[in-house]
Amino acid sequence: KPGKKKKRPLGIPTMYDRSMQALYAMALEPIAET
Protein backbone atom coordinates (compact mmCIF):
# COMPACT_ATOMS: atom_id res chain seq x y z
CA LYS A 1 0.00 0.00 0.00
CA PRO A 2 1.59 3.31 -1.04
CA GLY A 3 2.95 5.08 2.05
CA LYS A 4 1.85 2.33 4.44
CA LYS A 5 3.52 -0.66 6.05
CA LYS A 6 0.34 -2.72 6.00
CA LYS A 7 -0.12 -4.76 2.84
CA ARG A 8 -3.38 -5.22 0.96
CA PRO A 9 -4.56 -8.84 0.57
CA LEU A 10 -5.43 -9.73 -3.00
CA GLY A 11 -7.30 -12.86 -4.10
CA ILE A 12 -6.49 -14.15 -7.59
CA PRO A 13 -9.08 -16.44 -9.19
CA THR A 14 -8.16 -19.09 -11.73
CA MET A 15 -8.47 -18.23 -15.43
CA TYR A 16 -11.55 -20.47 -15.61
CA ASP A 17 -13.26 -18.68 -12.72
CA ARG A 18 -12.36 -15.27 -14.19
CA SER A 19 -13.96 -16.32 -17.46
CA MET A 20 -17.11 -17.48 -15.69
CA GLN A 21 -17.22 -14.13 -13.88
CA ALA A 22 -16.84 -12.29 -17.20
CA LEU A 23 -19.58 -14.43 -18.78
CA TYR A 24 -22.11 -13.77 -16.03
CA ALA A 25 -21.11 -10.12 -15.80
CA MET A 26 -22.35 -9.78 -19.38
CA ALA A 27 -25.76 -11.00 -18.21
CA LEU A 28 -25.79 -8.56 -15.27
CA GLU A 29 -24.50 -5.44 -17.06
CA PRO A 30 -27.77 -4.61 -18.90
CA ILE A 31 -29.67 -4.73 -15.60
CA ALA A 32 -27.09 -2.70 -13.67
CA GLU A 33 -26.84 -0.08 -16.40
CA THR A 34 -30.63 0.18 -16.79
Full PDB file with SEQRES, HELIX, SHEET, SSBOND, CRYST1, ORIGX, SCALE, CONECT and MASTER records, all heavy atoms in Angstrom:
SEQRES   1 A   34  LYS PRO GLY LYS LYS LYS LYS ARG PRO LEU GLY ILE PRO          
SEQRES   2 A   34  THR MET TYR ASP ARG SER MET GLN ALA LEU TYR ALA MET          
SEQRES   3 A   34  ALA LEU GLU PRO ILE ALA GLU THR                              
HELIX    1 AA1 MET A   15  GLU A   33  1                                  19    
CRYST1    1.000    1.000    1.000  90.00  90.00  90.00 P 1           1          
ORIGX1      1.000000  0.000000  0.000000        0.00000                         
ORIGX2      0.000000  1.000000  0.000000        0.00000                         
ORIGX3      0.000000  0.000000  1.000000        0.00000                         
SCALE1      1.000000  0.000000  0.000000        0.00000                         
SCALE2      0.000000  1.000000  0.000000        0.00000                         
SCALE3      0.000000  0.000000  1.000000        0.00000                         
ATOM      1  N   LYS A   1       0.864  -1.181   0.000  1.00  0.00           N  
ATOM      2  CA  LYS A   1       0.000   0.000   0.000  1.00  0.00           C  
ATOM      3  C   LYS A   1       0.899   1.229   0.000  1.00  0.00           C  
ATOM      4  O   LYS A   1       1.776   1.347   0.865  1.00  0.00           O  
ATOM      5  CB  LYS A   1      -0.894   0.026   1.249  1.00  0.00           C  
ATOM      6  CG  LYS A   1      -2.110  -0.861   1.172  1.00  0.00           C  
ATOM      7  CD  LYS A   1      -2.974  -0.621   2.415  1.00  0.00           C  
ATOM      8  CE  LYS A   1      -4.279  -1.372   2.320  1.00  0.00           C  
ATOM      9  NZ  LYS A   1      -5.151  -1.078   3.487  1.00  0.00           N  
ATOM     10  N   PRO A   2       0.723   2.128  -0.963  1.00  0.00           N  
ATOM     11  CA  PRO A   2       1.594   3.313  -1.037  1.00  0.00           C  
ATOM     12  C   PRO A   2       1.608   4.097   0.277  1.00  0.00           C  
ATOM     13  O   PRO A   2       0.555   4.469   0.801  1.00  0.00           O  
ATOM     14  CB  PRO A   2       0.952   4.152  -2.151  1.00  0.00           C  
ATOM     15  CG  PRO A   2       0.219   3.157  -2.999  1.00  0.00           C  
ATOM     16  CD  PRO A   2      -0.286   2.117  -2.036  1.00  0.00           C  
ATOM     17  N   GLY A   3       2.793   4.287   0.829  1.00  0.00           N  
ATOM     18  CA  GLY A   3       2.951   5.077   2.049  1.00  0.00           C  
ATOM     19  C   GLY A   3       2.559   4.371   3.324  1.00  0.00           C  
ATOM     20  O   GLY A   3       2.521   4.978   4.388  1.00  0.00           O  
ATOM     21  N   LYS A   4       2.265   3.065   3.243  1.00  0.00           N  
ATOM     22  CA  LYS A   4       1.847   2.329   4.438  1.00  0.00           C  
ATOM     23  C   LYS A   4       2.633   1.032   4.564  1.00  0.00           C  
ATOM     24  O   LYS A   4       3.055   0.445   3.573  1.00  0.00           O  
ATOM     25  CB  LYS A   4       0.344   2.016   4.372  1.00  0.00           C  
ATOM     26  CG  LYS A   4      -0.533   3.257   4.420  1.00  0.00           C  
ATOM     27  CD  LYS A   4      -2.013   2.872   4.437  1.00  0.00           C  
ATOM     28  CE  LYS A   4      -2.902   4.107   4.486  1.00  0.00           C  
ATOM     29  NZ  LYS A   4      -4.340   3.741   4.500  1.00  0.00           N  
ATOM     30  N   LYS A   5       2.824   0.602   5.813  1.00  0.00           N  
ATOM     31  CA  LYS A   5       3.521  -0.658   6.054  1.00  0.00           C  
ATOM     32  C   LYS A   5       2.589  -1.855   5.842  1.00  0.00           C  
ATOM     33  O   LYS A   5       3.013  -2.924   5.427  1.00  0.00           O  
ATOM     34  CB  LYS A   5       4.073  -0.692   7.484  1.00  0.00           C  
ATOM     35  CG  LYS A   5       5.205   0.296   7.722  1.00  0.00           C  
ATOM     36  CD  LYS A   5       5.757   0.152   9.129  1.00  0.00           C  
ATOM     37  CE  LYS A   5       6.922   1.122   9.352  1.00  0.00           C  
ATOM     38  NZ  LYS A   5       7.460   1.001  10.731  1.00  0.00           N  
ATOM     39  N   LYS A   6       1.307  -1.641   6.145  1.00  0.00           N  
ATOM     40  CA  LYS A   6       0.339  -2.723   5.999  1.00  0.00           C  
ATOM     41  C   LYS A   6       0.117  -3.046   4.532  1.00  0.00           C  
ATOM     42  O   LYS A   6      -0.007  -2.162   3.699  1.00  0.00           O  
ATOM     43  CB  LYS A   6      -0.993  -2.318   6.648  1.00  0.00           C  
ATOM     44  CG  LYS A   6      -2.019  -3.435   6.688  1.00  0.00           C  
ATOM     45  CD  LYS A   6      -3.296  -2.972   7.380  1.00  0.00           C  
ATOM     46  CE  LYS A   6      -4.325  -4.094   7.395  1.00  0.00           C  
ATOM     47  NZ  LYS A   6      -5.590  -3.668   8.043  1.00  0.00           N  
ATOM     48  N   LYS A   7       0.096  -4.331   4.214  1.00  0.00           N  
ATOM     49  CA  LYS A   7      -0.115  -4.763   2.837  1.00  0.00           C  
ATOM     50  C   LYS A   7      -1.583  -5.109   2.583  1.00  0.00           C  
ATOM     51  O   LYS A   7      -2.297  -5.511   3.504  1.00  0.00           O  
ATOM     52  CB  LYS A   7       0.775  -5.972   2.523  1.00  0.00           C  
ATOM     53  CG  LYS A   7       2.263  -5.658   2.530  1.00  0.00           C  
ATOM     54  CD  LYS A   7       3.077  -6.858   2.105  1.00  0.00           C  
ATOM     55  CE  LYS A   7       4.563  -6.521   2.052  1.00  0.00           C  
ATOM     56  NZ  LYS A   7       5.372  -7.682   1.609  1.00  0.00           N  
ATOM     57  N   ARG A   8      -2.001  -4.935   1.345  1.00  0.00           N  
ATOM     58  CA  ARG A   8      -3.381  -5.221   0.962  1.00  0.00           C  
ATOM     59  C   ARG A   8      -3.483  -6.670   0.458  1.00  0.00           C  
ATOM     60  O   ARG A   8      -2.753  -7.061  -0.464  1.00  0.00           O  
ATOM     61  CB  ARG A   8      -3.826  -4.276  -0.140  1.00  0.00           C  
ATOM     62  CG  ARG A   8      -5.281  -4.482  -0.574  1.00  0.00           C  
ATOM     63  CD  ARG A   8      -5.581  -3.699  -1.840  1.00  0.00           C  
ATOM     64  NE  ARG A   8      -5.372  -2.273  -1.668  1.00  0.00           N  
ATOM     65  CZ  ARG A   8      -6.278  -1.437  -1.154  1.00  0.00           C  
ATOM     66  NH1 ARG A   8      -7.448  -1.911  -0.754  1.00  0.00           N  
ATOM     67  NH2 ARG A   8      -6.014  -0.153  -1.057  1.00  0.00           N  
ATOM     68  N   PRO A   9      -4.385  -7.467   1.061  1.00  0.00           N  
ATOM     69  CA  PRO A   9      -4.556  -8.838   0.566  1.00  0.00           C  
ATOM     70  C   PRO A   9      -5.286  -8.837  -0.765  1.00  0.00           C  
ATOM     71  O   PRO A   9      -6.242  -8.098  -0.963  1.00  0.00           O  
ATOM     72  CB  PRO A   9      -5.395  -9.498   1.664  1.00  0.00           C  
ATOM     73  CG  PRO A   9      -6.148  -8.380   2.300  1.00  0.00           C  
ATOM     74  CD  PRO A   9      -5.247  -7.177   2.218  1.00  0.00           C  
ATOM     75  N   LEU A  10      -4.819  -9.652  -1.684  1.00  0.00           N  
ATOM     76  CA  LEU A  10      -5.429  -9.732  -3.005  1.00  0.00           C  
ATOM     77  C   LEU A  10      -5.699 -11.199  -3.331  1.00  0.00           C  
ATOM     78  O   LEU A  10      -4.813 -12.042  -3.195  1.00  0.00           O  
ATOM     79  CB  LEU A  10      -4.489  -9.125  -4.047  1.00  0.00           C  
ATOM     80  CG  LEU A  10      -5.005  -9.010  -5.478  1.00  0.00           C  
ATOM     81  CD1 LEU A  10      -6.160  -8.012  -5.550  1.00  0.00           C  
ATOM     82  CD2 LEU A  10      -3.893  -8.587  -6.417  1.00  0.00           C  
ATOM     83  N   GLY A  11      -6.929 -11.496  -3.735  1.00  0.00           N  
ATOM     84  CA  GLY A  11      -7.296 -12.856  -4.103  1.00  0.00           C  
ATOM     85  C   GLY A  11      -7.321 -13.000  -5.616  1.00  0.00           C  
ATOM     86  O   GLY A  11      -8.010 -12.249  -6.296  1.00  0.00           O  
ATOM     87  N   ILE A  12      -6.580 -13.949  -6.143  1.00  0.00           N  
ATOM     88  CA  ILE A  12      -6.489 -14.147  -7.588  1.00  0.00           C  
ATOM     89  C   ILE A  12      -7.252 -15.408  -7.978  1.00  0.00           C  
ATOM     90  O   ILE A  12      -6.858 -16.521  -7.606  1.00  0.00           O  
ATOM     91  CB  ILE A  12      -5.026 -14.260  -8.042  1.00  0.00           C  
ATOM     92  CG1 ILE A  12      -4.251 -13.001  -7.635  1.00  0.00           C  
ATOM     93  CG2 ILE A  12      -4.938 -14.477  -9.550  1.00  0.00           C  
ATOM     94  CD1 ILE A  12      -2.771 -13.084  -7.894  1.00  0.00           C  
ATOM     95  N   PRO A  13      -8.343 -15.258  -8.733  1.00  0.00           N  
ATOM     96  CA  PRO A  13      -9.082 -16.444  -9.190  1.00  0.00           C  
ATOM     97  C   PRO A  13      -8.323 -17.157 -10.311  1.00  0.00           C  
ATOM     98  O   PRO A  13      -7.415 -16.589 -10.927  1.00  0.00           O  
ATOM     99  CB  PRO A  13     -10.402 -15.863  -9.732  1.00  0.00           C  
ATOM    100  CG  PRO A  13     -10.407 -14.410  -9.354  1.00  0.00           C  
ATOM    101  CD  PRO A  13      -8.978 -14.018  -9.184  1.00  0.00           C  
ATOM    102  N   THR A  14      -8.719 -18.376 -10.585  1.00  0.00           N  
ATOM    103  CA  THR A  14      -8.161 -19.088 -11.728  1.00  0.00           C  
ATOM    104  C   THR A  14      -8.671 -18.447 -13.022  1.00  0.00           C  
ATOM    105  O   THR A  14      -9.647 -17.694 -13.017  1.00  0.00           O  
ATOM    106  CB  THR A  14      -8.582 -20.565 -11.720  1.00  0.00           C  
ATOM    107  OG1 THR A  14     -10.014 -20.644 -11.862  1.00  0.00           O  
ATOM    108  CG2 THR A  14      -8.156 -21.256 -10.432  1.00  0.00           C  
ATOM    109  N   MET A  15      -8.037 -18.745 -14.129  1.00  0.00           N  
ATOM    110  CA  MET A  15      -8.472 -18.234 -15.427  1.00  0.00           C  
ATOM    111  C   MET A  15      -9.902 -18.693 -15.725  1.00  0.00           C  
ATOM    112  O   MET A  15     -10.713 -17.936 -16.259  1.00  0.00           O  
ATOM    113  CB  MET A  15      -7.521 -18.707 -16.527  1.00  0.00           C  
ATOM    114  CG  MET A  15      -6.105 -18.172 -16.432  1.00  0.00           C  
ATOM    115  SD  MET A  15      -5.993 -16.399 -16.775  1.00  0.00           S  
ATOM    116  CE  MET A  15      -6.134 -16.384 -18.560  1.00  0.00           C  
ATOM    117  N   TYR A  16     -10.202 -19.926 -15.362  1.00  0.00           N  
ATOM    118  CA  TYR A  16     -11.547 -20.465 -15.611  1.00  0.00           C  
ATOM    119  C   TYR A  16     -12.585 -19.666 -14.827  1.00  0.00           C  
ATOM    120  O   TYR A  16     -13.618 -19.267 -15.375  1.00  0.00           O  
ATOM    121  CB  TYR A  16     -11.609 -21.940 -15.214  1.00  0.00           C  
ATOM    122  CG  TYR A  16     -12.889 -22.638 -15.650  1.00  0.00           C  
ATOM    123  CD1 TYR A  16     -12.935 -23.348 -16.849  1.00  0.00           C  
ATOM    124  CD2 TYR A  16     -14.036 -22.595 -14.876  1.00  0.00           C  
ATOM    125  CE1 TYR A  16     -14.086 -23.980 -17.265  1.00  0.00           C  
ATOM    126  CE2 TYR A  16     -15.200 -23.218 -15.280  1.00  0.00           C  
ATOM    127  CZ  TYR A  16     -15.221 -23.912 -16.473  1.00  0.00           C  
ATOM    128  OH  TYR A  16     -16.381 -24.530 -16.885  1.00  0.00           O  
ATOM    129  N   ASP A  17     -12.308 -19.434 -13.552  1.00  0.00           N  
ATOM    130  CA  ASP A  17     -13.256 -18.681 -12.722  1.00  0.00           C  
ATOM    131  C   ASP A  17     -13.396 -17.240 -13.199  1.00  0.00           C  
ATOM    132  O   ASP A  17     -14.487 -16.671 -13.181  1.00  0.00           O  
ATOM    133  CB  ASP A  17     -12.816 -18.716 -11.254  1.00  0.00           C  
ATOM    134  CG  ASP A  17     -12.998 -20.100 -10.632  1.00  0.00           C  
ATOM    135  OD1 ASP A  17     -13.845 -20.859 -11.124  1.00  0.00           O  
ATOM    136  OD2 ASP A  17     -12.279 -20.420  -9.664  1.00  0.00           O  
ATOM    137  N   ARG A  18     -12.287 -16.635 -13.646  1.00  0.00           N  
ATOM    138  CA  ARG A  18     -12.361 -15.274 -14.194  1.00  0.00           C  
ATOM    139  C   ARG A  18     -13.237 -15.235 -15.442  1.00  0.00           C  
ATOM    140  O   ARG A  18     -13.990 -14.282 -15.659  1.00  0.00           O  
ATOM    141  CB  ARG A  18     -10.957 -14.763 -14.524  1.00  0.00           C  
ATOM    142  CG  ARG A  18     -10.216 -14.176 -13.322  1.00  0.00           C  
ATOM    143  CD  ARG A  18      -8.838 -13.717 -13.724  1.00  0.00           C  
ATOM    144  NE  ARG A  18      -7.839 -14.698 -13.319  1.00  0.00           N  
ATOM    145  CZ  ARG A  18      -6.550 -14.612 -13.597  1.00  0.00           C  
ATOM    146  NH1 ARG A  18      -6.085 -13.610 -14.305  1.00  0.00           N  
ATOM    147  NH2 ARG A  18      -5.710 -15.539 -13.185  1.00  0.00           N  
ATOM    148  N   SER A  19     -13.145 -16.264 -16.245  1.00  0.00           N  
ATOM    149  CA  SER A  19     -13.958 -16.324 -17.463  1.00  0.00           C  
ATOM    150  C   SER A  19     -15.435 -16.511 -17.125  1.00  0.00           C  
ATOM    151  O   SER A  19     -16.306 -15.913 -17.773  1.00  0.00           O  
ATOM    152  CB  SER A  19     -13.474 -17.465 -18.367  1.00  0.00           C  
ATOM    153  OG  SER A  19     -12.163 -17.218 -18.817  1.00  0.00           O  
ATOM    154  N   MET A  20     -15.719 -17.318 -16.123  1.00  0.00           N  
ATOM    155  CA  MET A  20     -17.109 -17.483 -15.689  1.00  0.00           C  
ATOM    156  C   MET A  20     -17.650 -16.166 -15.138  1.00  0.00           C  
ATOM    157  O   MET A  20     -18.798 -15.786 -15.394  1.00  0.00           O  
ATOM    158  CB  MET A  20     -17.205 -18.586 -14.627  1.00  0.00           C  
ATOM    159  CG  MET A  20     -17.028 -19.992 -15.177  1.00  0.00           C  
ATOM    160  SD  MET A  20     -18.380 -20.519 -16.274  1.00  0.00           S  
ATOM    161  CE  MET A  20     -19.686 -20.840 -15.086  1.00  0.00           C  
ATOM    162  N   GLN A  21     -16.808 -15.441 -14.392  1.00  0.00           N  
ATOM    163  CA  GLN A  21     -17.222 -14.126 -13.882  1.00  0.00           C  
ATOM    164  C   GLN A  21     -17.517 -13.170 -15.031  1.00  0.00           C  
ATOM    165  O   GLN A  21     -18.518 -12.445 -15.005  1.00  0.00           O  
ATOM    166  CB  GLN A  21     -16.120 -13.559 -12.985  1.00  0.00           C  
ATOM    167  CG  GLN A  21     -15.938 -14.295 -11.672  1.00  0.00           C  
ATOM    168  CD  GLN A  21     -14.664 -13.901 -10.951  1.00  0.00           C  
ATOM    169  OE1 GLN A  21     -13.983 -12.946 -11.330  1.00  0.00           O  
ATOM    170  NE2 GLN A  21     -14.322 -14.636  -9.900  1.00  0.00           N  
ATOM    171  N   ALA A  22     -16.644 -13.171 -16.043  1.00  0.00           N  
ATOM    172  CA  ALA A  22     -16.842 -12.294 -17.203  1.00  0.00           C  
ATOM    173  C   ALA A  22     -18.115 -12.663 -17.952  1.00  0.00           C  
ATOM    174  O   ALA A  22     -18.859 -11.785 -18.408  1.00  0.00           O  
ATOM    175  CB  ALA A  22     -15.627 -12.384 -18.136  1.00  0.00           C  
ATOM    176  N   LEU A  23     -18.384 -13.955 -18.079  1.00  0.00           N  
ATOM    177  CA  LEU A  23     -19.579 -14.427 -18.779  1.00  0.00           C  
ATOM    178  C   LEU A  23     -20.848 -13.970 -18.083  1.00  0.00           C  
ATOM    179  O   LEU A  23     -21.766 -13.423 -18.707  1.00  0.00           O  
ATOM    180  CB  LEU A  23     -19.536 -15.964 -18.864  1.00  0.00           C  
ATOM    181  CG  LEU A  23     -20.739 -16.651 -19.510  1.00  0.00           C  
ATOM    182  CD1 LEU A  23     -20.874 -16.239 -20.970  1.00  0.00           C  
ATOM    183  CD2 LEU A  23     -20.594 -18.175 -19.396  1.00  0.00           C  
ATOM    184  N   TYR A  24     -20.898 -14.148 -16.768  1.00  0.00           N  
ATOM    185  CA  TYR A  24     -22.109 -13.775 -16.028  1.00  0.00           C  
ATOM    186  C   TYR A  24     -22.213 -12.267 -15.814  1.00  0.00           C  
ATOM    187  O   TYR A  24     -23.308 -11.741 -15.634  1.00  0.00           O  
ATOM    188  CB  TYR A  24     -22.189 -14.562 -14.712  1.00  0.00           C  
ATOM    189  CG  TYR A  24     -22.712 -15.954 -14.958  1.00  0.00           C  
ATOM    190  CD1 TYR A  24     -21.859 -16.976 -15.351  1.00  0.00           C  
ATOM    191  CD2 TYR A  24     -24.067 -16.243 -14.861  1.00  0.00           C  
ATOM    192  CE1 TYR A  24     -22.339 -18.245 -15.636  1.00  0.00           C  
ATOM    193  CE2 TYR A  24     -24.552 -17.509 -15.133  1.00  0.00           C  
ATOM    194  CZ  TYR A  24     -23.694 -18.511 -15.516  1.00  0.00           C  
ATOM    195  OH  TYR A  24     -24.184 -19.760 -15.802  1.00  0.00           O  
ATOM    196  N   ALA A  25     -21.063 -11.587 -15.855  1.00  0.00           N  
ATOM    197  CA  ALA A  25     -21.110 -10.118 -15.799  1.00  0.00           C  
ATOM    198  C   ALA A  25     -21.823  -9.563 -17.023  1.00  0.00           C  
ATOM    199  O   ALA A  25     -22.544  -8.556 -16.937  1.00  0.00           O  
ATOM    200  CB  ALA A  25     -19.695  -9.546 -15.712  1.00  0.00           C  
ATOM    201  N   MET A  26     -21.654 -10.216 -18.162  1.00  0.00           N  
ATOM    202  CA  MET A  26     -22.351  -9.780 -19.381  1.00  0.00           C  
ATOM    203  C   MET A  26     -23.867  -9.869 -19.215  1.00  0.00           C  
ATOM    204  O   MET A  26     -24.607  -9.065 -19.779  1.00  0.00           O  
ATOM    205  CB  MET A  26     -21.928 -10.649 -20.573  1.00  0.00           C  
ATOM    206  CG  MET A  26     -20.519 -10.438 -21.047  1.00  0.00           C  
ATOM    207  SD  MET A  26     -20.198 -11.505 -22.483  1.00  0.00           S  
ATOM    208  CE  MET A  26     -18.514 -11.953 -22.187  1.00  0.00           C  
ATOM    209  N   ALA A  27     -24.320 -10.840 -18.439  1.00  0.00           N  
ATOM    210  CA  ALA A  27     -25.758 -11.000 -18.208  1.00  0.00           C  
ATOM    211  C   ALA A  27     -26.280  -9.999 -17.176  1.00  0.00           C  
ATOM    212  O   ALA A  27     -27.461  -9.659 -17.179  1.00  0.00           O  
ATOM    213  CB  ALA A  27     -26.052 -12.427 -17.745  1.00  0.00           C  
ATOM    214  N   LEU A  28     -25.383  -9.521 -16.309  1.00  0.00           N  
ATOM    215  CA  LEU A  28     -25.786  -8.558 -15.274  1.00  0.00           C  
ATOM    216  C   LEU A  28     -25.686  -7.109 -15.734  1.00  0.00           C  
ATOM    217  O   LEU A  28     -26.437  -6.249 -15.268  1.00  0.00           O  
ATOM    218  CB  LEU A  28     -24.909  -8.735 -14.028  1.00  0.00           C  
ATOM    219  CG  LEU A  28     -25.336  -9.786 -13.014  1.00  0.00           C  
ATOM    220  CD1 LEU A  28     -24.311  -9.883 -11.893  1.00  0.00           C  
ATOM    221  CD2 LEU A  28     -26.713  -9.480 -12.440  1.00  0.00           C  
ATOM    222  N   GLU A  29     -24.755  -6.825 -16.627  1.00  0.00           N  
ATOM    223  CA  GLU A  29     -24.504  -5.444 -17.061  1.00  0.00           C  
ATOM    224  C   GLU A  29     -25.752  -4.710 -17.555  1.00  0.00           C  
ATOM    225  O   GLU A  29     -25.987  -3.556 -17.166  1.00  0.00           O  
ATOM    226  CB  GLU A  29     -23.428  -5.414 -18.147  1.00  0.00           C  
ATOM    227  CG  GLU A  29     -22.018  -5.487 -17.601  1.00  0.00           C  
ATOM    228  CD  GLU A  29     -20.978  -5.616 -18.708  1.00  0.00           C  
ATOM    229  OE1 GLU A  29     -21.373  -5.649 -19.901  1.00  0.00           O  
ATOM    230  OE2 GLU A  29     -19.783  -5.695 -18.387  1.00  0.00           O  
ATOM    231  N   PRO A  30     -26.583  -5.337 -18.411  1.00  0.00           N  
ATOM    232  CA  PRO A  30     -27.767  -4.605 -18.901  1.00  0.00           C  
ATOM    233  C   PRO A  30     -28.725  -4.211 -17.779  1.00  0.00           C  
ATOM    234  O   PRO A  30     -29.371  -3.168 -17.848  1.00  0.00           O  
ATOM    235  CB  PRO A  30     -28.431  -5.608 -19.853  1.00  0.00           C  
ATOM    236  CG  PRO A  30     -27.369  -6.580 -20.211  1.00  0.00           C  
ATOM    237  CD  PRO A  30     -26.480  -6.666 -19.025  1.00  0.00           C  
ATOM    238  N   ILE A  31     -28.796  -5.033 -16.735  1.00  0.00           N  
ATOM    239  CA  ILE A  31     -29.674  -4.730 -15.600  1.00  0.00           C  
ATOM    240  C   ILE A  31     -29.073  -3.600 -14.783  1.00  0.00           C  
ATOM    241  O   ILE A  31     -29.749  -2.620 -14.440  1.00  0.00           O  
ATOM    242  CB  ILE A  31     -29.869  -5.974 -14.708  1.00  0.00           C  
ATOM    243  CG1 ILE A  31     -30.473  -7.118 -15.524  1.00  0.00           C  
ATOM    244  CG2 ILE A  31     -30.757  -5.651 -13.508  1.00  0.00           C  
ATOM    245  CD1 ILE A  31     -30.525  -8.442 -14.801  1.00  0.00           C  
ATOM    246  N   ALA A  32     -27.766  -3.721 -14.471  1.00  0.00           N  
ATOM    247  CA  ALA A  32     -27.091  -2.700 -13.665  1.00  0.00           C  
ATOM    248  C   ALA A  32     -27.111  -1.346 -14.362  1.00  0.00           C  
ATOM    249  O   ALA A  32     -27.348  -0.306 -13.734  1.00  0.00           O  
ATOM    250  CB  ALA A  32     -25.656  -3.131 -13.382  1.00  0.00           C  
ATOM    251  N   GLU A  33     -26.882  -1.339 -15.672  1.00  0.00           N  
ATOM    252  CA  GLU A  33     -26.843  -0.079 -16.403  1.00  0.00           C  
ATOM    253  C   GLU A  33     -28.235   0.531 -16.581  1.00  0.00           C  
ATOM    254  O   GLU A  33     -28.373   1.749 -16.655  1.00  0.00           O  
ATOM    255  CB  GLU A  33     -26.178  -0.284 -17.767  1.00  0.00           C  
ATOM    256  CG  GLU A  33     -24.694  -0.562 -17.695  1.00  0.00           C  
ATOM    257  CD  GLU A  33     -23.928   0.537 -16.976  1.00  0.00           C  
ATOM    258  OE1 GLU A  33     -24.221   1.736 -17.192  1.00  0.00           O  
ATOM    259  OE2 GLU A  33     -23.047   0.204 -16.167  1.00  0.00           O  
ATOM    260  N   THR A  34     -29.253  -0.322 -16.632  1.00  0.00           N  
ATOM    261  CA  THR A  34     -30.625   0.181 -16.785  1.00  0.00           C  
ATOM    262  C   THR A  34     -31.163   0.734 -15.462  1.00  0.00           C  
ATOM    263  O   THR A  34     -31.837   1.769 -15.437  1.00  0.00           O  
ATOM    264  CB  THR A  34     -31.553  -0.938 -17.293  1.00  0.00           C  
ATOM    265  OG1 THR A  34     -31.056  -1.432 -18.542  1.00  0.00           O  
ATOM    266  CG2 THR A  34     -32.974  -0.422 -17.505  1.00  0.00           C  
TER     267      THR A  34                                                      
MASTER        0    0    0    1    0    0    0    6  266    1    0    3          
END                                                                             
